[in-house]
Every structure is written in C-alpha cells, then in structure tokens.
Protein backbone atom coordinates (compact mmCIF):
# COMPACT_ATOMS: atom_id res chain seq x y z
CA MET A 1 0.00 0.00 0.00
CA GLY A 2 2.97 2.32 0.52
CA THR A 3 2.97 5.54 2.46
CA ASN A 4 -0.19 7.54 3.20
CA VAL A 5 0.69 10.55 5.33
CA GLY A 6 -0.08 14.22 5.68
CA GLY A 7 0.67 16.91 8.20
CA LEU A 8 3.22 19.56 9.04
CA ILE A 9 6.74 20.04 10.34
CA LEU A 10 7.88 23.05 12.36
CA PRO A 11 10.91 23.98 14.47
CA PHE A 12 10.20 23.04 18.09
CA GLU A 13 12.35 22.72 21.19
CA GLY A 14 9.65 21.72 23.70
CA ASP A 15 8.50 18.40 25.16
CA GLU A 16 5.34 16.32 24.71
CA ILE A 17 3.24 18.50 27.02
CA GLN A 18 4.30 21.69 25.27
CA ALA A 19 3.59 20.13 21.88
CA VAL A 20 0.08 19.17 23.03
CA ALA A 21 -0.48 22.72 24.27
CA LEU A 22 0.52 24.08 20.85
CA ILE A 23 -1.83 21.71 19.00
CA GLU A 24 -4.64 22.64 21.38
CA GLN A 25 -4.05 26.29 20.49
CA LEU A 26 -4.24 25.44 16.78
CA GLU A 27 -7.42 23.45 17.37
CA ALA A 28 -9.05 25.58 20.07
CA LYS A 29 -9.97 22.20 21.62
CA SER A 30 -8.60 19.92 24.32
CA LEU A 31 -6.66 16.81 23.35
CA HIS A 32 -6.90 13.41 25.05
CA LYS A 33 -4.04 10.94 25.03
CA ARG A 34 -4.33 7.55 23.37
CA GLU A 35 -2.06 4.87 24.77
CA HIS A 36 -1.81 2.76 21.60
CA TRP A 37 -2.97 2.50 18.02
CA THR A 38 -6.51 1.25 17.45
CA SER A 39 -8.31 0.33 14.24
CA ASP A 40 -10.37 3.51 14.30
CA PHE A 41 -7.46 5.89 14.94
CA ASN A 42 -6.95 7.74 11.65
CA THR A 43 -4.88 10.89 11.18
CA GLY A 44 -6.86 11.58 8.03
CA SER A 45 -9.84 12.38 10.26
CA GLU A 46 -10.66 15.68 11.92
CA GLU A 47 -10.14 14.30 15.43
CA ASP A 48 -6.90 12.26 15.48
CA PHE A 49 -3.28 13.41 15.76
CA SER A 50 0.05 11.67 16.09
CA PHE A 51 3.34 13.45 16.51
CA CYS A 52 7.00 12.95 17.28
CA LEU A 53 9.84 15.24 18.30
CA VAL A 54 12.96 14.79 16.16
CA ASN A 55 16.16 16.86 16.04
CA GLY A 56 14.51 20.12 17.08
CA TYR A 57 11.35 19.64 14.99
CA LEU A 58 7.76 18.72 15.70
CA ILE A 59 6.44 16.31 13.03
CA LEU A 60 2.65 16.35 13.28
CA HIS A 61 0.63 13.76 11.36
CA HIS A 62 -2.83 15.20 10.81
CA ALA A 63 -3.83 15.01 7.16
CA TYR A 64 -7.09 16.85 7.80
CA TYR A 65 -5.06 20.10 7.91
CA VAL A 66 -3.41 19.62 4.54
CA HIS A 67 -6.21 20.62 2.18
CA SER A 68 -6.85 23.96 3.90
CA MET A 69 -3.12 24.64 4.32
CA PHE A 70 -2.64 24.11 0.58
CA TYR A 71 -5.74 25.88 -0.72
CA THR A 72 -6.95 28.38 1.92
CA PRO A 73 -3.72 29.65 3.47
CA GLU A 74 -5.32 32.83 4.79
CA ILE A 75 -6.87 30.78 7.62
CA TRP A 76 -3.48 29.50 8.72
CA GLN A 77 -1.62 32.74 8.16
CA GLU A 78 -3.80 34.35 10.82
CA LYS A 79 -3.33 31.42 13.22
CA PHE A 80 0.44 31.27 12.78
CA LYS A 81 0.77 35.02 13.22
CA HIS A 82 -1.40 34.96 16.35
CA LEU A 83 0.71 32.14 17.86
CA GLY A 84 4.02 33.72 16.84
CA LEU A 85 4.93 30.83 14.53
CA MET A 86 7.07 32.85 12.15
CA GLU A 87 9.78 30.31 11.28
CA ARG A 88 9.56 28.04 8.25
CA ILE A 89 6.71 25.52 8.45
CA ILE A 90 6.53 22.64 5.97
CA VAL A 91 3.18 21.06 5.12
CA PHE A 92 3.52 17.60 3.57
CA LEU A 93 1.36 15.11 1.72
CA ARG A 94 2.29 11.69 0.37
CA VAL A 95 -0.25 9.10 -0.80
CA ASP A 96 1.61 6.42 -2.74
CA SER A 97 -1.53 4.45 -3.56
CA ALA A 98 -2.88 7.48 -5.44
CA ASN A 99 0.50 8.58 -6.91
CA ALA A 100 -0.01 11.89 -5.12
CA ALA A 101 2.37 14.11 -3.19
CA GLY A 102 2.78 17.73 -2.32
CA TYR A 103 4.14 20.35 0.05
CA ALA A 104 3.54 23.92 1.09
CA ILE A 105 6.02 26.31 2.70
CA TYR A 106 5.06 29.02 5.18
CA GLU A 107 7.52 31.69 6.32
CA ASN A 108 6.78 34.68 8.51
CA ALA A 109 3.22 33.33 8.80
CA GLN A 110 2.72 33.56 5.01
CA GLN A 111 2.38 30.79 2.45
CA ILE A 112 5.20 31.42 -0.01
CA ARG A 113 5.05 28.19 -2.01
CA CYS A 114 2.76 25.23 -2.67
CA LEU A 115 3.10 22.31 -5.09
CA GLU A 116 0.71 19.34 -5.18
CA GLN A 117 0.67 16.66 -7.88
CA SER A 118 -1.05 13.47 -8.90
CA GLU A 119 -1.08 11.75 -12.28
CA ASP A 120 -3.74 14.10 -13.68
CA VAL A 121 -3.73 17.16 -11.38
CA THR A 122 -1.11 19.79 -10.57
CA HIS A 123 -1.68 22.71 -8.23
CA GLN A 124 1.01 25.27 -7.45
CA PHE A 125 1.41 28.72 -5.98
CA GLY A 126 4.36 31.04 -5.52
CA GLU A 127 7.82 31.39 -6.99
CA ILE A 128 10.10 28.36 -7.29
CA LEU A 129 12.36 28.13 -4.21
CA SER A 130 16.04 27.25 -4.24
CA PHE A 131 15.60 23.64 -3.13
CA GLU A 132 13.17 23.03 -6.04
CA GLN A 133 15.17 24.56 -8.85
CA GLN A 134 17.33 21.59 -9.80
CA TRP A 135 14.32 19.42 -10.67
CA LEU A 136 11.70 21.94 -11.75
CA ASN A 137 14.15 23.62 -14.15
CA ALA A 138 15.69 20.36 -15.36
CA SER A 139 15.76 19.38 -19.02
CA ALA A 140 12.95 17.18 -20.30
CA PHE A 141 12.27 14.29 -22.66
CA TYR A 142 9.22 12.22 -23.53
CA VAL A 143 8.68 8.47 -23.38
CA HIS A 144 6.47 6.96 -26.07
CA GLU A 145 5.06 3.52 -25.22
CA PHE A 146 3.32 1.54 -27.95
CA GLU A 147 2.51 -1.93 -29.24
CA ASP A 148 4.48 -2.93 -32.31
CA GLU A 149 3.27 -4.94 -35.31
CA TYR A 150 4.11 -8.19 -33.52
CA GLY A 151 2.05 -7.32 -30.43
CA GLU A 152 5.13 -6.55 -28.33
CA TRP A 153 5.13 -3.52 -26.04
CA GLN A 154 7.88 -1.06 -26.96
CA SER A 155 9.27 2.10 -25.39
CA LYS A 156 10.89 4.98 -27.28
CA ILE A 157 12.58 8.12 -25.94
CA ILE A 158 11.84 11.40 -27.74
CA PRO A 159 14.00 14.45 -26.93
CA GLU A 160 11.94 17.50 -25.95
CA SER A 161 13.13 19.32 -29.07
CA GLY A 162 11.76 16.51 -31.24
CA PHE A 163 8.36 16.12 -29.57
CA ASN A 164 5.29 17.30 -31.46
CA GLU A 165 1.85 16.99 -29.85
CA ASN A 166 0.22 17.01 -33.27
CA GLU A 167 2.01 13.76 -34.13
CA MET A 168 0.85 11.85 -31.05
CA GLU A 169 -1.02 8.61 -31.79
CA GLU A 170 -4.41 8.61 -30.06
CA TRP A 171 -4.23 5.10 -28.60
CA GLU A 172 -0.60 5.14 -27.48
CA ASP A 173 0.94 6.40 -24.25
CA TYR A 174 3.23 9.39 -23.84
CA TYR A 175 4.61 10.86 -20.66
CA LYS A 176 7.04 13.64 -19.87
CA CYS A 177 10.16 13.18 -17.74
CA ARG A 178 12.67 15.56 -16.20
CA TYR A 179 16.30 14.51 -15.96
CA ILE A 180 19.58 15.71 -14.50
CA ASP A 181 22.77 15.08 -16.53
CA GLU A 182 21.52 11.87 -18.18
CA TYR A 183 18.25 10.15 -19.07
CA GLU A 184 18.85 7.39 -16.51
CA ASN A 185 18.59 10.02 -13.73
CA SER A 186 15.02 10.96 -14.56
CA VAL A 187 11.64 11.47 -12.90
CA ARG A 188 8.18 11.50 -14.45
CA GLU A 189 6.72 14.99 -14.47
CA PHE A 190 3.89 14.09 -12.08
CA GLU A 191 6.38 12.64 -9.55
CA LEU A 192 8.45 15.81 -9.15
CA ALA A 193 6.70 16.91 -5.95
CA SER A 194 7.38 13.52 -4.36
CA VAL A 195 11.08 13.56 -5.25
CA ILE A 196 11.56 17.17 -4.12
CA LEU A 197 9.76 16.43 -0.84
CA ASN A 198 12.11 13.47 -0.24
CA GLU A 199 15.15 15.69 -0.77
CA LEU A 200 13.77 18.46 1.43
CA LEU A 201 13.17 16.02 4.29
CA PHE A 202 16.62 14.52 3.88
CA ASP A 203 18.17 17.98 4.18
CA LEU A 204 16.21 18.55 7.39
CA PHE A 205 16.85 15.23 9.13
CA GLN A 206 19.79 13.65 7.26
CA MET A 207 17.88 10.39 6.83
CA LYS A 208 15.85 8.97 3.97
CA TYR A 209 12.03 8.74 4.02
CA THR A 210 11.78 10.38 7.42
CA LEU A 211 7.97 10.26 7.40
CA ASP A 212 8.03 6.44 7.33
CA ASN A 213 10.57 5.93 10.08
CA PRO A 214 9.33 4.12 13.23
CA TYR A 215 10.40 6.62 15.87
CA PRO A 216 11.09 5.30 19.37
CA GLU A 217 8.35 7.52 20.75
CA THR A 218 5.30 8.59 18.77
CA PHE A 219 2.55 10.33 20.73
CA LEU A 220 -1.12 9.70 19.94
CA TYR A 221 -3.89 12.17 20.79
CA SER A 222 -7.49 12.82 19.86
CA THR A 223 -10.03 15.55 20.46
CA LEU A 224 -12.42 12.72 21.40
CA SER A 225 -12.41 11.84 25.08
CA GLU A 226 -13.15 8.16 24.32
CA PRO A 227 -12.37 5.91 21.33
CA ARG A 228 -15.12 5.76 18.74
CA GLN A 229 -17.81 3.17 19.31
CA SER A 230 -19.27 3.33 15.82
CA LYS A 231 -17.77 3.30 12.33
CA GLN A 232 -15.74 6.44 11.76
CA SER A 233 -17.27 8.88 9.33
CA GLN A 234 -15.19 10.35 6.54
CA ALA A 235 -13.46 13.66 7.27
CA ARG A 236 -15.36 16.58 5.81
CA GLN A 237 -13.45 18.32 3.04
CA ASN A 238 -13.89 21.24 0.66
CA SER A 239 -15.68 19.89 -2.42
CA LYS A 240 -13.62 22.10 -4.73
CA SER A 241 -10.74 19.61 -4.70
CA SER A 242 -11.65 16.35 -6.42
CA LEU A 243 -8.12 15.05 -5.77
CA TRP A 244 -8.44 15.57 -2.02
CA GLY A 245 -11.78 13.78 -1.92
CA LYS A 246 -10.08 10.70 -3.38
CA LEU A 247 -7.27 10.79 -0.82
CA VAL A 248 -9.05 11.15 2.53
CA ALA A 249 -10.07 7.49 2.87
CA LEU A 250 -6.49 6.31 2.27
CA PHE A 251 -5.09 7.60 5.58
CA LYS A 252 -5.09 4.79 8.13
CA LYS A 253 -2.71 6.10 10.80
C-alpha cells in the first residue's frame, strides 16, 4: 500500500506536554491521550493526531489540515501570526496508492510556495524556491510507449526538441520526464513533488524517508475523550478539490 501521510513540520524545542499545548491552540480544543494504536485511529480524520519530536522539529501527522493549508492559506496565516509561529513551516502530503504528493512552505506566517501533484492534477502557488530549482528547471524528454506490429510492447525516448503533440497517436501512451545530466537520472513529471519532498526532508533530518521511520516515541492524541464506538465517518473536506476527496479514505494512521 505504501505511504499515506499528511501533516506539518515546524521547528520546536519543547517536550510532549508543550507540543500538546501548541496543537490545542491550533485546534481551540482539548486533546486526550491515546495509549496505543486502534483500528479507528486515523490521522486523516478531523479528530486524530500523532506526533514525534525529532532533532529540534515537531512532526505532526494530521492530514485533515493539509487541504486547507494548501488551498486556503489565509486561515493559517492568521493562526500562525497569532501564535508567533514565524519560522519556516513545511506542510507535507504523500499518498503512494494514489500517486499523489505535495508540500507547502510558510515563512513569517505567510504561504510562499505550494506544489501538489497526482497523475492528472497539478496545483502550485508562488515562486520556485532554491531547493526546487534543480528538478523543476531540469531538461525534459518524452517516453512513447506503444505496441508494435508483432504485439510486443515497446518504449521509445523522444528528446523534448523533437516532440510534437500534433504527431501523437491517439491510442498510445506518452509521458514527460525531467532529468539531470543523463536520461537514466530521470523522474516522471507528475512525480516531481514527491522527489523534491524526499530531498527536502533529507536535508532537514539527514535520513531517507523520514515520514516512514518508526520513531522510538510517537505520541497519539485525539479531540475525542473516548475511542469511537461506531464506524468512523469520513473527514469533511472542501468539495472544490476532487483530488483531495479521493485521498481522505487512504489515511489509516
């Protein structure tokens, strides 16, 4: 199934209690500790949170925040300013089962950059930042996949300078790639956000795939005082984003 995560990362030097107090300020609600994972605990819901404290950062898994942090930043800009959260905050999304990933960057309580991608949707805001430039400005080529006269599936590389949309065959597949130095070091266009997010996290924590790592201590909290007794309802989301609607049910942490 891969990784299905969403949330935010911010500089933080406090302990568990101080982290809970901060989340309660963001939520304007009290949090209640959960001692262990249960089948109904889901950080894609409105109520559930998990977090860990790593190398001077708070990593908060709460995918319910991500849609509004990507698409309605004015809500969060006011909150961050009110709470004095002026340092860089990274919002992250990765849903491998939907080939979707994205991130947003807030600085001085303002969203300065957002990039979200899936196979058929790209949303972005703001100027390209330095850590994105290598991939987003990289040279491109196209891969043409087709069935030959013998029924064998073939793959052909077309340099960007030689690609013509008017010559595309209707029933054959084409996709764009970005590459650095050589074709072998390439990424499909719709996977750029995922690769850039990986590199950004590595720069922060000096370890690969930080969001998947089983930390020695992960704290679980909910705004519900007791575990759910009935089947959990889907988190309510803004209907403007068809991509987000497809992703909510995939979060099972």
